[in-house]
Amino acid sequence: MTHILFADTTHPKPYDFDDLVTQAMGGTESSLLRTAKILSSRNHQVTLFQQHRTATKKQHNILFIGPGEITPSLMPDHVVILRKFPQLTQFKQHFPDAKYHLWIHTYKNWEYVLKRSIRFKPAWQLITNSHTHAKHCSDILNQGIFGRIYNLFKSKISIKTCYNPIPAELAEFPTQTRDHNKLLFLSAPNKGLAQVLKTFQQINQHLKDLQLYIANPGYRQDHPKDIPNVHYLGALPAAEVKHHIATSLCVFYPQNSFAETFGLIYAEANALGTPVMAHDIGAAREILHPNNALIDAEDNYQITKTLAQWQRQLPAVSYRSEFDDPAIYQQWVEALKM
């Protein structure tokens, strides 16, 4: 039995599957829980370390631990660090024989290549959450000028892709009555909300019955602006999020300032039969259903025309098997070479 230790050293509070159901949760944390469950259900020992956890807990055969339980007796075969490169060195002190993986969910700039200069043995690999994300990381770490210099005296960084899991039961969600004037924004405010609000105000002058509903994942708050036909929902639990997606004309995301490395909302909305109004940025083209056409976020005429067309007939989007449990499991088997 392979023992996999996932380590989240940055989230400010502990979380588990109860929180996944009852509270708003960020995409990284929800993807970690779902991935851990997929692996544990297939006869792998899974431990999930959280920096701010004080009480050990077990759910779905996954052991949740805090700093007090990091002892050599754990003996993981693989250590998967979320986000933070320096933590590779910290955990290596405890588990020198493990294989190390850094799982990131954000784009990095050219300075990230300098981390390759930090002495760390044994070799480690990077796990990304889309092929678009992997290419971007490879361009920086292995193909850019600094990356090529490092390649002269250090091994290339191995980069693998494991999609974020999307629950298959979303495809079985009961059909809801759609409000063809309801648009939905479901992201943190820093992910282009200012541009989305400006665009909505402009197209609302032509499509006057449109209403925009705004929710956020809870880890970033914003001060609501009093704008006509804009409604703030705050942080919502999973069941309410699904209901809002299923009853909306579309997820309204016409912005080109923030690139998603995966974009859970892309895949989850399509799984519920709801299209996403999105610009061709980041992994949008890779993750969205092929029938989900993309728009130019700066072309208000195109956006207005597309919304009017969708009000007449929505594109046929649906769940994609690339994100189901068996597919995710195989991706991790390949990434970790179990």
C-alpha atoms as a PDB file:
ATOM      1  CA  MET A   1       0.000   0.000   0.000  1.00  0.00           C
ATOM      2  CA  THR A   2       1.429   3.350  -1.063  1.00  0.00           C
ATOM      3  CA  HIS A   3       1.354   6.061   1.599  1.00  0.00           C
ATOM      4  CA  ILE A   4       0.751   9.592   0.292  1.00  0.00           C
ATOM      5  CA  LEU A   5       1.119  12.613   2.557  1.00  0.00           C
ATOM      6  CA  PHE A   6      -0.519  15.804   1.303  1.00  0.00           C
ATOM      7  CA  ALA A   7       0.647  18.948   3.085  1.00  0.00           C
ATOM      8  CA  ASP A   8      -1.250  22.242   3.180  1.00  0.00           C
ATOM      9  CA  THR A   9       0.949  24.649   5.105  1.00  0.00           C
ATOM     10  CA  THR A  10      -0.797  27.901   4.206  1.00  0.00           C
ATOM     11  CA  HIS A  11      -4.568  27.707   4.690  1.00  0.00           C
ATOM     12  CA  PRO A  12      -5.405  29.715   7.834  1.00  0.00           C
ATOM     13  CA  LYS A  13      -7.720  27.110   9.387  1.00  0.00           C
ATOM     14  CA  PRO A  14      -8.332  23.351   9.278  1.00  0.00           C
ATOM     15  CA  TYR A  15     -10.994  22.026   6.913  1.00  0.00           C
ATOM     16  CA  ASP A  16     -12.518  18.661   6.064  1.00  0.00           C
ATOM     17  CA  PHE A  17     -15.393  17.039   4.170  1.00  0.00           C
ATOM     18  CA  ASP A  18     -18.011  18.487   6.519  1.00  0.00           C
ATOM     19  CA  ASP A  19     -16.834  21.963   5.547  1.00  0.00           C
ATOM     20  CA  LEU A  20     -16.912  21.006   1.876  1.00  0.00           C
ATOM     21  CA  VAL A  21     -20.663  20.438   2.190  1.00  0.00           C
ATOM     22  CA  THR A  22     -21.687  23.210   4.565  1.00  0.00           C
ATOM     23  CA  GLN A  23     -19.350  26.115   3.835  1.00  0.00           C
ATOM     24  CA  ALA A  24     -17.935  28.086   0.934  1.00  0.00           C
ATOM     25  CA  MET A  25     -14.517  26.712   0.061  1.00  0.00           C
ATOM     26  CA  GLY A  26     -11.732  27.651  -2.335  1.00  0.00           C
ATOM     27  CA  GLY A  27     -10.984  25.534  -5.370  1.00  0.00           C
ATOM     28  CA  THR A  28      -7.562  24.408  -4.152  1.00  0.00           C
ATOM     29  CA  GLU A  29      -8.875  23.113  -0.838  1.00  0.00           C
ATOM     30  CA  SER A  30     -11.906  21.369  -2.331  1.00  0.00           C
ATOM     31  CA  SER A  31      -9.731  19.761  -5.016  1.00  0.00           C
ATOM     32  CA  LEU A  32      -7.301  18.523  -2.394  1.00  0.00           C
ATOM     33  CA  LEU A  33     -10.086  16.868  -0.388  1.00  0.00           C
ATOM     34  CA  ARG A  34     -11.628  15.238  -3.453  1.00  0.00           C
ATOM     35  CA  THR A  35      -8.262  14.017  -4.738  1.00  0.00           C
ATOM     36  CA  ALA A  36      -7.355  12.551  -1.346  1.00  0.00           C
ATOM     37  CA  LYS A  37     -10.687  10.724  -1.247  1.00  0.00           C
ATOM     38  CA  ILE A  38     -10.177   9.279  -4.737  1.00  0.00           C
ATOM     39  CA  LEU A  39      -6.767   7.912  -3.782  1.00  0.00           C
ATOM     40  CA  SER A  40      -7.851   6.589  -0.389  1.00  0.00           C
ATOM     41  CA  SER A  41     -10.813   4.776  -1.947  1.00  0.00           C
ATOM     42  CA  ARG A  42      -8.416   2.846  -4.173  1.00  0.00           C
ATOM     43  CA  ASN A  43      -6.430   1.210  -1.423  1.00  0.00           C
ATOM     44  CA  HIS A  44      -3.821   3.910  -0.843  1.00  0.00           C
ATOM     45  CA  GLN A  45      -2.979   5.218   2.586  1.00  0.00           C
ATOM     46  CA  VAL A  46      -3.589   8.960   2.604  1.00  0.00           C
ATOM     47  CA  THR A  47      -2.633  11.483   5.261  1.00  0.00           C
ATOM     48  CA  LEU A  48      -3.561  15.149   5.034  1.00  0.00           C
ATOM     49  CA  PHE A  49      -1.421  17.604   7.005  1.00  0.00           C
ATOM     50  CA  GLN A  50      -2.834  21.046   7.812  1.00  0.00           C
ATOM     51  CA  GLN A  51      -0.654  23.647   9.457  1.00  0.00           C
ATOM     52  CA  HIS A  52      -3.391  24.990  11.734  1.00  0.00           C
ATOM     53  CA  ARG A  53      -5.031  21.724  12.730  1.00  0.00           C
ATOM     54  CA  THR A  54      -4.891  20.951  16.442  1.00  0.00           C
ATOM     55  CA  ALA A  55      -7.032  17.792  16.610  1.00  0.00           C
ATOM     56  CA  THR A  56      -6.429  14.588  14.659  1.00  0.00           C
ATOM     57  CA  LYS A  57      -9.420  13.400  12.664  1.00  0.00           C
ATOM     58  CA  LYS A  58     -10.271  10.590  10.264  1.00  0.00           C
ATOM     59  CA  GLN A  59     -12.768  10.802   7.391  1.00  0.00           C
ATOM     60  CA  HIS A  60     -13.168   8.546   4.338  1.00  0.00           C
ATOM     61  CA  ASN A  61     -10.155   6.616   5.580  1.00  0.00           C
ATOM     62  CA  ILE A  62      -8.041   9.782   5.378  1.00  0.00           C
ATOM     63  CA  LEU A  63      -6.054  10.805   8.442  1.00  0.00           C
ATOM     64  CA  PHE A  64      -6.124  14.570   9.082  1.00  0.00           C
ATOM     65  CA  ILE A  65      -3.170  15.697  11.192  1.00  0.00           C
ATOM     66  CA  GLY A  66      -1.512  18.860  12.477  1.00  0.00           C
ATOM     67  CA  PRO A  67       2.124  19.786  13.271  1.00  0.00           C
ATOM     68  CA  GLY A  68       2.191  17.679  16.447  1.00  0.00           C
ATOM     69  CA  GLU A  69       1.716  14.467  14.453  1.00  0.00           C
ATOM     70  CA  ILE A  70       4.618  14.992  12.038  1.00  0.00           C
ATOM     71  CA  THR A  71       6.915  12.221  13.214  1.00  0.00           C
ATOM     72  CA  PRO A  72       9.242   9.793  11.395  1.00  0.00           C
ATOM     73  CA  SER A  73       6.797   6.968  12.177  1.00  0.00           C
ATOM     74  CA  LEU A  74       4.467   8.241   9.452  1.00  0.00           C
ATOM     75  CA  MET A  75       6.940   7.036   6.804  1.00  0.00           C
ATOM     76  CA  PRO A  76       5.162   8.354   3.673  1.00  0.00           C
ATOM     77  CA  ASP A  77       6.275   7.111   0.272  1.00  0.00           C
ATOM     78  CA  HIS A  78       5.244  10.386  -1.370  1.00  0.00           C
ATOM     79  CA  VAL A  79       5.007  13.889   0.050  1.00  0.00           C
ATOM     80  CA  VAL A  80       2.851  16.275  -1.995  1.00  0.00           C
ATOM     81  CA  ILE A  81       3.341  19.879  -0.905  1.00  0.00           C
ATOM     82  CA  LEU A  82       0.660  22.422  -1.762  1.00  0.00           C
ATOM     83  CA  ARG A  83       1.896  25.747  -3.142  1.00  0.00           C
ATOM     84  CA  LYS A  84       5.085  26.447  -1.180  1.00  0.00           C
ATOM     85  CA  PHE A  85       8.481  25.355  -2.520  1.00  0.00           C
ATOM     86  CA  PRO A  86      10.415  26.021   0.753  1.00  0.00           C
ATOM     87  CA  GLN A  87       8.280  23.383   2.500  1.00  0.00           C
ATOM     88  CA  LEU A  88       9.980  20.676   0.431  1.00  0.00           C
ATOM     89  CA  THR A  89      13.128  21.239   2.468  1.00  0.00           C
ATOM     90  CA  GLN A  90      11.197  21.365   5.746  1.00  0.00           C
ATOM     91  CA  PHE A  91       9.463  18.027   5.163  1.00  0.00           C
ATOM     92  CA  LYS A  92      12.606  16.367   3.832  1.00  0.00           C
ATOM     93  CA  GLN A  93      14.093  16.771   7.300  1.00  0.00           C
ATOM     94  CA  HIS A  94      11.321  14.524   8.629  1.00  0.00           C
ATOM     95  CA  PHE A  95      11.028  12.087   5.715  1.00  0.00           C
ATOM     96  CA  PRO A  96      14.364  11.854   3.876  1.00  0.00           C
ATOM     97  CA  ASP A  97      13.412   8.724   1.920  1.00  0.00           C
ATOM     98  CA  ALA A  98      10.138   9.991   0.467  1.00  0.00           C
ATOM     99  CA  LYS A  99       9.576  11.189  -3.095  1.00  0.00           C
ATOM    100  CA  TYR A 100       8.680  14.858  -3.297  1.00  0.00           C
ATOM    101  CA  HIS A 101       6.125  16.693  -5.409  1.00  0.00           C
ATOM    102  CA  LEU A 102       5.085  20.334  -5.459  1.00  0.00           C
ATOM    103  CA  TRP A 103       1.421  20.800  -6.431  1.00  0.00           C
ATOM    104  CA  ILE A 104       0.673  24.366  -7.527  1.00  0.00           C
ATOM    105  CA  HIS A 105      -2.579  26.013  -8.605  1.00  0.00           C
ATOM    106  CA  THR A 106      -1.315  29.414  -9.756  1.00  0.00           C
ATOM    107  CA  TYR A 107       0.812  30.792 -12.565  1.00  0.00           C
ATOM    108  CA  LYS A 108       4.380  31.737 -11.693  1.00  0.00           C
ATOM    109  CA  ASN A 109       6.586  34.503 -13.058  1.00  0.00           C
ATOM    110  CA  TRP A 110      10.167  34.217 -14.323  1.00  0.00           C
ATOM    111  CA  GLU A 111      11.579  34.655 -10.805  1.00  0.00           C
ATOM    112  CA  TYR A 112      10.193  31.247  -9.905  1.00  0.00           C
ATOM    113  CA  VAL A 113      13.015  29.645 -11.900  1.00  0.00           C
ATOM    114  CA  LEU A 114      15.466  30.894  -9.261  1.00  0.00           C
ATOM    115  CA  LYS A 115      14.021  28.341  -6.855  1.00  0.00           C
ATOM    116  CA  ARG A 116      15.814  25.719  -8.912  1.00  0.00           C
ATOM    117  CA  SER A 117      19.053  27.084  -7.467  1.00  0.00           C
ATOM    118  CA  ILE A 118      18.016  25.999  -3.981  1.00  0.00           C
ATOM    119  CA  ARG A 119      19.808  22.798  -3.154  1.00  0.00           C
ATOM    120  CA  PHE A 120      17.264  20.047  -2.711  1.00  0.00           C
ATOM    121  CA  LYS A 121      17.855  16.333  -3.062  1.00  0.00           C
ATOM    122  CA  PRO A 122      16.388  13.958  -4.039  1.00  0.00           C
ATOM    123  CA  ALA A 123      14.870  15.190  -7.287  1.00  0.00           C
ATOM    124  CA  TRP A 124      11.392  16.711  -7.040  1.00  0.00           C
ATOM    125  CA  GLN A 125       8.685  17.219  -9.604  1.00  0.00           C
ATOM    126  CA  LEU A 126       6.002  19.795 -10.256  1.00  0.00           C
ATOM    127  CA  ILE A 127       2.318  18.852 -10.510  1.00  0.00           C
ATOM    128  CA  THR A 128       0.064  21.273 -12.376  1.00  0.00           C
ATOM    129  CA  ASN A 129      -3.706  21.165 -12.851  1.00  0.00           C
ATOM    130  CA  SER A 130      -3.987  21.622 -16.618  1.00  0.00           C
ATOM    131  CA  HIS A 131      -1.827  21.102 -19.698  1.00  0.00           C
ATOM    132  CA  THR A 132      -2.022  24.850 -20.301  1.00  0.00           C
ATOM    133  CA  HIS A 133      -0.615  25.376 -16.807  1.00  0.00           C
ATOM    134  CA  ALA A 134       2.089  22.746 -17.390  1.00  0.00           C
ATOM    135  CA  LYS A 135       3.244  24.406 -20.614  1.00  0.00           C
ATOM    136  CA  HIS A 136       3.459  27.781 -18.892  1.00  0.00           C
ATOM    137  CA  CYS A 137       5.560  26.280 -16.078  1.00  0.00           C
ATOM    138  CA  SER A 138       7.801  24.434 -18.529  1.00  0.00           C
ATOM    139  CA  ASP A 139       8.371  27.625 -20.506  1.00  0.00           C
ATOM    140  CA  ILE A 140       9.580  29.298 -17.318  1.00  0.00           C
ATOM    141  CA  LEU A 141      11.455  26.481 -15.585  1.00  0.00           C
ATOM    142  CA  ASN A 142      12.941  24.598 -18.531  1.00  0.00           C
ATOM    143  CA  GLN A 143      12.653  26.622 -21.750  1.00  0.00           C
ATOM    144  CA  GLY A 144      13.267  30.228 -20.738  1.00  0.00           C
ATOM    145  CA  ILE A 145      16.749  31.699 -20.811  1.00  0.00           C
ATOM    146  CA  PHE A 146      17.332  31.164 -17.073  1.00  0.00           C
ATOM    147  CA  GLY A 147      15.826  27.688 -17.242  1.00  0.00           C
ATOM    148  CA  ARG A 148      18.153  26.696 -20.079  1.00  0.00           C
ATOM    149  CA  ILE A 149      21.130  27.964 -18.106  1.00  0.00           C
ATOM    150  CA  TYR A 150      20.149  25.838 -15.110  1.00  0.00           C
ATOM    151  CA  ASN A 151      19.665  22.854 -17.415  1.00  0.00           C
ATOM    152  CA  LEU A 152      23.395  22.928 -18.104  1.00  0.00           C
ATOM    153  CA  PHE A 153      24.204  21.814 -14.570  1.00  0.00           C
ATOM    154  CA  LYS A 154      20.911  20.706 -13.005  1.00  0.00           C
ATOM    155  CA  SER A 155      18.311  18.178 -14.120  1.00  0.00           C
ATOM    156  CA  LYS A 156      15.219  19.516 -15.866  1.00  0.00           C
ATOM    157  CA  ILE A 157      12.194  19.805 -13.626  1.00  0.00           C
ATOM    158  CA  SER A 158       9.710  17.027 -14.299  1.00  0.00           C
ATOM    159  CA  ILE A 159       6.217  18.485 -14.791  1.00  0.00           C
ATOM    160  CA  LYS A 160       3.033  16.410 -14.679  1.00  0.00           C
ATOM    161  CA  THR A 161      -0.643  17.337 -14.967  1.00  0.00           C
ATOM    162  CA  CYS A 162      -3.481  16.155 -12.724  1.00  0.00           C
ATOM    163  CA  TYR A 163      -6.842  17.776 -13.328  1.00  0.00           C
ATOM    164  CA  ASN A 164      -8.988  18.933 -10.441  1.00  0.00           C
ATOM    165  CA  PRO A 165     -11.747  16.369  -9.773  1.00  0.00           C
ATOM    166  CA  ILE A 166     -15.312  17.294 -10.687  1.00  0.00           C
ATOM    167  CA  PRO A 167     -18.001  15.211  -8.924  1.00  0.00           C
ATOM    168  CA  ALA A 168     -19.873  13.086 -11.479  1.00  0.00           C
ATOM    169  CA  GLU A 169     -23.110  13.584  -9.541  1.00  0.00           C
ATOM    170  CA  LEU A 170     -23.251  17.150 -10.870  1.00  0.00           C
ATOM    171  CA  ALA A 171     -24.407  15.654 -14.154  1.00  0.00           C
ATOM    172  CA  GLU A 172     -27.331  14.097 -12.281  1.00  0.00           C
ATOM    173  CA  PHE A 173     -28.460  17.306 -10.611  1.00  0.00           C
ATOM    174  CA  PRO A 174     -32.237  17.733 -11.125  1.00  0.00           C
ATOM    175  CA  THR A 175     -33.219  19.995 -13.976  1.00  0.00           C
ATOM    176  CA  GLN A 176     -34.072  23.480 -12.762  1.00  0.00           C
ATOM    177  CA  THR A 177     -36.148  26.243 -14.305  1.00  0.00           C
ATOM    178  CA  ARG A 178     -33.708  28.743 -15.759  1.00  0.00           C
ATOM    179  CA  ASP A 179     -34.068  32.468 -15.450  1.00  0.00           C
ATOM    180  CA  HIS A 180     -32.773  33.706 -18.811  1.00  0.00           C
ATOM    181  CA  ASN A 181     -32.088  37.124 -17.338  1.00  0.00           C
ATOM    182  CA  LYS A 182     -29.925  35.807 -14.495  1.00  0.00           C
ATOM    183  CA  LEU A 183     -26.155  36.062 -14.817  1.00  0.00           C
ATOM    184  CA  LEU A 184     -23.843  34.638 -12.162  1.00  0.00           C
ATOM    185  CA  PHE A 185     -20.304  35.560 -11.106  1.00  0.00           C
ATOM    186  CA  LEU A 186     -18.704  32.886  -8.884  1.00  0.00           C
ATOM    187  CA  SER A 187     -15.093  33.778  -8.158  1.00  0.00           C
ATOM    188  CA  ALA A 188     -12.948  35.736  -5.759  1.00  0.00           C
ATOM    189  CA  PRO A 189     -13.210  39.519  -6.291  1.00  0.00           C
ATOM    190  CA  ASN A 190      -9.567  39.719  -7.428  1.00  0.00           C
ATOM    191  CA  LYS A 191     -10.384  37.509 -10.426  1.00  0.00           C
ATOM    192  CA  GLY A 192     -11.544  40.268 -12.714  1.00  0.00           C
ATOM    193  CA  LEU A 193     -14.675  41.368 -10.866  1.00  0.00           C
ATOM    194  CA  ALA A 194     -14.091  45.086 -11.510  1.00  0.00           C
ATOM    195  CA  GLN A 195     -13.976  44.446 -15.266  1.00  0.00           C
ATOM    196  CA  VAL A 196     -17.026  42.176 -15.089  1.00  0.00           C
ATOM    197  CA  LEU A 197     -19.049  44.855 -13.260  1.00  0.00           C
ATOM    198  CA  LYS A 198     -18.060  47.520 -15.790  1.00  0.00           C
ATOM    199  CA  THR A 199     -19.014  45.259 -18.698  1.00  0.00           C
ATOM    200  CA  PHE A 200     -22.326  44.341 -17.099  1.00  0.00           C
ATOM    201  CA  GLN A 201     -23.284  47.979 -16.590  1.00  0.00           C
ATOM    202  CA  GLN A 202     -22.621  48.689 -20.254  1.00  0.00           C
ATOM    203  CA  ILE A 203     -24.544  45.734 -21.698  1.00  0.00           C
ATOM    204  CA  ASN A 204     -27.351  46.248 -19.160  1.00  0.00           C
ATOM    205  CA  GLN A 205     -28.176  49.442 -21.028  1.00  0.00           C
ATOM    206  CA  HIS A 206     -29.187  47.295 -24.006  1.00  0.00           C
ATOM    207  CA  LEU A 207     -30.427  44.119 -22.308  1.00  0.00           C
ATOM    208  CA  LYS A 208     -32.257  45.946 -19.552  1.00  0.00           C
ATOM    209  CA  ASP A 209     -33.800  42.906 -17.827  1.00  0.00           C
ATOM    210  CA  LEU A 210     -30.472  41.258 -17.017  1.00  0.00           C
ATOM    211  CA  GLN A 211     -29.626  40.767 -13.351  1.00  0.00           C
ATOM    212  CA  LEU A 212     -26.104  39.936 -12.128  1.00  0.00           C
ATOM    213  CA  TYR A 213     -25.654  37.818  -8.980  1.00  0.00           C
ATOM    214  CA  ILE A 214     -22.238  37.782  -7.325  1.00  0.00           C
ATOM    215  CA  ALA A 215     -20.924  35.154  -4.907  1.00  0.00           C
ATOM    216  CA  ASN A 216     -17.416  34.488  -3.644  1.00  0.00           C
ATOM    217  CA  PRO A 217     -15.584  31.477  -2.185  1.00  0.00           C
ATOM    218  CA  GLY A 218     -15.291  33.057   1.257  1.00  0.00           C
ATOM    219  CA  TYR A 219     -11.536  33.437   1.511  1.00  0.00           C
ATOM    220  CA  ARG A 220     -11.565  36.902  -0.068  1.00  0.00           C
ATOM    221  CA  GLN A 221     -14.205  39.474   0.714  1.00  0.00           C
ATOM    222  CA  ASP A 222     -15.004  42.651  -1.150  1.00  0.00           C
ATOM    223  CA  HIS A 223     -16.959  45.754  -0.282  1.00  0.00           C
ATOM    224  CA  PRO A 224     -20.192  45.543  -2.322  1.00  0.00           C
ATOM    225  CA  LYS A 225     -20.871  48.413  -4.670  1.00  0.00           C
ATOM    226  CA  ASP A 226     -24.380  49.722  -5.026  1.00  0.00           C
ATOM    227  CA  ILE A 227     -25.006  49.102  -8.733  1.00  0.00           C
ATOM    228  CA  PRO A 228     -28.453  48.727 -10.309  1.00  0.00           C
ATOM    229  CA  ASN A 229     -29.428  45.117 -11.059  1.00  0.00           C
ATOM    230  CA  VAL A 230     -26.392  43.727  -9.202  1.00  0.00           C
ATOM    231  CA  HIS A 231     -27.064  41.432  -6.249  1.00  0.00           C
ATOM    232  CA  TYR A 232     -24.451  40.213  -3.745  1.00  0.00           C
ATOM    233  CA  LEU A 233     -24.875  36.667  -2.429  1.00  0.00           C
ATOM    234  CA  GLY A 234     -21.740  36.456  -0.273  1.00  0.00           C
ATOM    235  CA  ALA A 235     -20.144  33.082   0.481  1.00  0.00           C
ATOM    236  CA  LEU A 236     -22.400  30.133  -0.326  1.00  0.00           C
ATOM    237  CA  PRO A 237     -22.334  26.419   0.617  1.00  0.00           C
ATOM    238  CA  ALA A 238     -22.069  23.894  -2.216  1.00  0.00           C
ATOM    239  CA  ALA A 239     -25.802  23.104  -2.492  1.00  0.00           C
ATOM    240  CA  GLU A 240     -26.715  26.759  -2.974  1.00  0.00           C
ATOM    241  CA  VAL A 241     -23.946  27.241  -5.509  1.00  0.00           C
ATOM    242  CA  LYS A 242     -25.287  24.357  -7.606  1.00  0.00           C
ATOM    243  CA  HIS A 243     -28.802  25.757  -7.447  1.00  0.00           C
ATOM    244  CA  HIS A 244     -27.668  29.200  -8.590  1.00  0.00           C
ATOM    245  CA  ILE A 245     -25.624  27.770 -11.463  1.00  0.00           C
ATOM    246  CA  ALA A 246     -28.459  25.516 -12.620  1.00  0.00           C
ATOM    247  CA  THR A 247     -30.989  28.358 -12.605  1.00  0.00           C
ATOM    248  CA  SER A 248     -28.821  30.937 -14.397  1.00  0.00           C
ATOM    249  CA  LEU A 249     -28.501  31.708 -18.072  1.00  0.00           C
ATOM    250  CA  CYS A 250     -24.733  31.491 -17.712  1.00  0.00           C
ATOM    251  CA  VAL A 251     -21.765  32.040 -15.477  1.00  0.00           C
ATOM    252  CA  PHE A 252     -20.740  35.562 -16.412  1.00  0.00           C
ATOM    253  CA  TYR A 253     -16.942  35.824 -16.516  1.00  0.00           C
ATOM    254  CA  PRO A 254     -15.967  38.233 -19.335  1.00  0.00           C
ATOM    255  CA  GLN A 255     -12.571  39.332 -18.032  1.00  0.00           C
ATOM    256  CA  ASN A 256      -9.056  39.074 -19.414  1.00  0.00           C
ATOM    257  CA  SER A 257      -7.001  40.161 -16.415  1.00  0.00           C
ATOM    258  CA  PHE A 258      -6.919  36.899 -14.442  1.00  0.00           C
ATOM    259  CA  ALA A 259      -5.898  33.573 -16.004  1.00  0.00           C
ATOM    260  CA  GLU A 260      -7.233  30.404 -14.393  1.00  0.00           C
ATOM    261  CA  THR A 261      -4.833  27.446 -14.286  1.00  0.00           C
ATOM    262  CA  PHE A 262      -7.876  25.153 -14.303  1.00  0.00           C
ATOM    263  CA  GLY A 263     -11.041  26.999 -13.394  1.00  0.00           C
ATOM    264  CA  LEU A 264     -13.343  24.810 -11.308  1.00  0.00           C
ATOM    265  CA  ILE A 265     -16.258  27.049 -12.178  1.00  0.00           C
ATOM    266  CA  TYR A 266     -15.730  26.292 -15.879  1.00  0.00           C
ATOM    267  CA  ALA A 267     -16.045  22.550 -15.397  1.00  0.00           C
ATOM    268  CA  GLU A 268     -18.705  22.626 -12.685  1.00  0.00           C
ATOM    269  CA  ALA A 269     -20.966  24.990 -14.605  1.00  0.00           C
ATOM    270  CA  ASN A 270     -20.725  22.930 -17.796  1.00  0.00           C
ATOM    271  CA  ALA A 271     -21.427  19.748 -15.795  1.00  0.00           C
ATOM    272  CA  LEU A 272     -24.698  21.359 -14.725  1.00  0.00           C
ATOM    273  CA  GLY A 273     -25.535  22.228 -18.323  1.00  0.00           C
ATOM    274  CA  THR A 274     -24.716  25.918 -17.882  1.00  0.00           C
ATOM    275  CA  PRO A 275     -22.384  27.730 -20.280  1.00  0.00           C
ATOM    276  CA  VAL A 276     -19.683  30.163 -19.166  1.00  0.00           C
ATOM    277  CA  MET A 277     -19.200  33.581 -20.764  1.00  0.00           C
ATOM    278  CA  ALA A 278     -15.396  33.543 -20.767  1.00  0.00           C
ATOM    279  CA  HIS A 279     -12.418  35.044 -22.578  1.00  0.00           C
ATOM    280  CA  ASP A 280      -9.752  32.824 -24.154  1.00  0.00           C
ATOM    281  CA  ILE A 281      -7.299  33.198 -21.284  1.00  0.00           C
ATOM    282  CA  GLY A 282      -5.484  30.630 -19.159  1.00  0.00           C
ATOM    283  CA  ALA A 283      -6.998  27.149 -19.338  1.00  0.00           C
ATOM    284  CA  ALA A 284     -10.478  28.265 -20.448  1.00  0.00           C
ATOM    285  CA  ARG A 285     -10.301  26.636 -23.890  1.00  0.00           C
ATOM    286  CA  GLU A 286      -8.872  23.409 -22.453  1.00  0.00           C
ATOM    287  CA  ILE A 287     -11.359  22.977 -19.600  1.00  0.00           C
ATOM    288  CA  LEU A 288     -14.620  24.260 -21.050  1.00  0.00           C
ATOM    289  CA  HIS A 289     -16.838  21.944 -23.102  1.00  0.00           C
ATOM    290  CA  PRO A 290     -16.096  22.206 -26.849  1.00  0.00           C
ATOM    291  CA  ASN A 291     -19.611  23.601 -27.409  1.00  0.00           C
ATOM    292  CA  ASN A 292     -18.925  26.471 -25.007  1.00  0.00           C
ATOM    293  CA  ALA A 293     -17.825  29.265 -27.337  1.00  0.00           C
ATOM    294  CA  LEU A 294     -15.389  31.864 -25.990  1.00  0.00           C
ATOM    295  CA  ILE A 295     -15.751  35.628 -26.343  1.00  0.00           C
ATOM    296  CA  ASP A 296     -13.512  38.678 -26.436  1.00  0.00           C
ATOM    297  CA  ALA A 297     -13.864  40.254 -22.998  1.00  0.00           C
ATOM    298  CA  GLU A 298     -13.337  43.726 -24.484  1.00  0.00           C
ATOM    299  CA  ASP A 299     -15.959  43.348 -27.224  1.00  0.00           C
ATOM    300  CA  ASN A 300     -19.232  44.400 -25.635  1.00  0.00           C
ATOM    301  CA  TYR A 301     -21.111  43.987 -28.919  1.00  0.00           C
ATOM    302  CA  GLN A 302     -20.051  40.339 -29.147  1.00  0.00           C
ATOM    303  CA  ILE A 303     -20.911  39.739 -25.487  1.00  0.00           C
ATOM    304  CA  THR A 304     -24.366  41.307 -25.906  1.00  0.00           C
ATOM    305  CA  LYS A 305     -25.017  39.374 -29.104  1.00  0.00           C
ATOM    306  CA  THR A 306     -23.926  36.093 -27.514  1.00  0.00           C
ATOM    307  CA  LEU A 307     -26.128  36.627 -24.453  1.00  0.00           C
ATOM    308  CA  ALA A 308     -29.131  37.361 -26.669  1.00  0.00           C
ATOM    309  CA  GLN A 309     -28.397  34.215 -28.663  1.00  0.00           C
ATOM    310  CA  TRP A 310     -28.096  32.146 -25.477  1.00  0.00           C
ATOM    311  CA  GLN A 311     -31.421  33.537 -24.268  1.00  0.00           C
ATOM    312  CA  ARG A 312     -32.963  32.008 -27.381  1.00  0.00           C
ATOM    313  CA  GLN A 313     -31.034  28.718 -27.169  1.00  0.00           C
ATOM    314  CA  LEU A 314     -28.251  27.647 -24.825  1.00  0.00           C
ATOM    315  CA  PRO A 315     -25.260  25.716 -26.186  1.00  0.00           C
ATOM    316  CA  ALA A 316     -25.315  22.003 -25.317  1.00  0.00           C
ATOM    317  CA  VAL A 317     -22.630  21.709 -22.637  1.00  0.00           C
ATOM    318  CA  SER A 318     -22.266  18.793 -20.230  1.00  0.00           C
ATOM    319  CA  TYR A 319     -20.028  16.869 -17.830  1.00  0.00           C
ATOM    320  CA  ARG A 320     -16.623  15.793 -19.180  1.00  0.00           C
ATOM    321  CA  SER A 321     -15.244  12.392 -18.237  1.00  0.00           C
ATOM    322  CA  GLU A 322     -11.687  13.782 -18.164  1.00  0.00           C
ATOM    323  CA  PHE A 323     -12.516  15.072 -14.692  1.00  0.00           C
ATOM    324  CA  ASP A 324     -14.185  11.988 -13.171  1.00  0.00           C
ATOM    325  CA  ASP A 325     -12.722   9.827 -10.399  1.00  0.00           C
ATOM    326  CA  PRO A 326     -11.214   7.051 -12.585  1.00  0.00           C
ATOM    327  CA  ALA A 327      -9.526   9.601 -14.850  1.00  0.00           C
ATOM    328  CA  ILE A 328      -8.149  11.609 -11.925  1.00  0.00           C
ATOM    329  CA  TYR A 329      -6.846   8.435 -10.300  1.00  0.00           C
ATOM    330  CA  GLN A 330      -4.962   7.416 -13.438  1.00  0.00           C
ATOM    331  CA  GLN A 331      -3.443  10.879 -13.722  1.00  0.00           C
ATOM    332  CA  TRP A 332      -2.105  10.649 -10.169  1.00  0.00           C
ATOM    333  CA  VAL A 333      -0.828   7.109 -10.741  1.00  0.00           C
ATOM    334  CA  GLU A 334       1.190   8.471 -13.650  1.00  0.00           C
ATOM    335  CA  ALA A 335       2.327  11.552 -11.764  1.00  0.00           C
ATOM    336  CA  LEU A 336       3.475   9.650  -8.697  1.00  0.00           C
ATOM    337  CA  LYS A 337       4.485   6.535 -10.672  1.00  0.00           C
ATOM    338  CA  MET A 338       2.845   4.255  -8.094  1.00  0.00           C
END
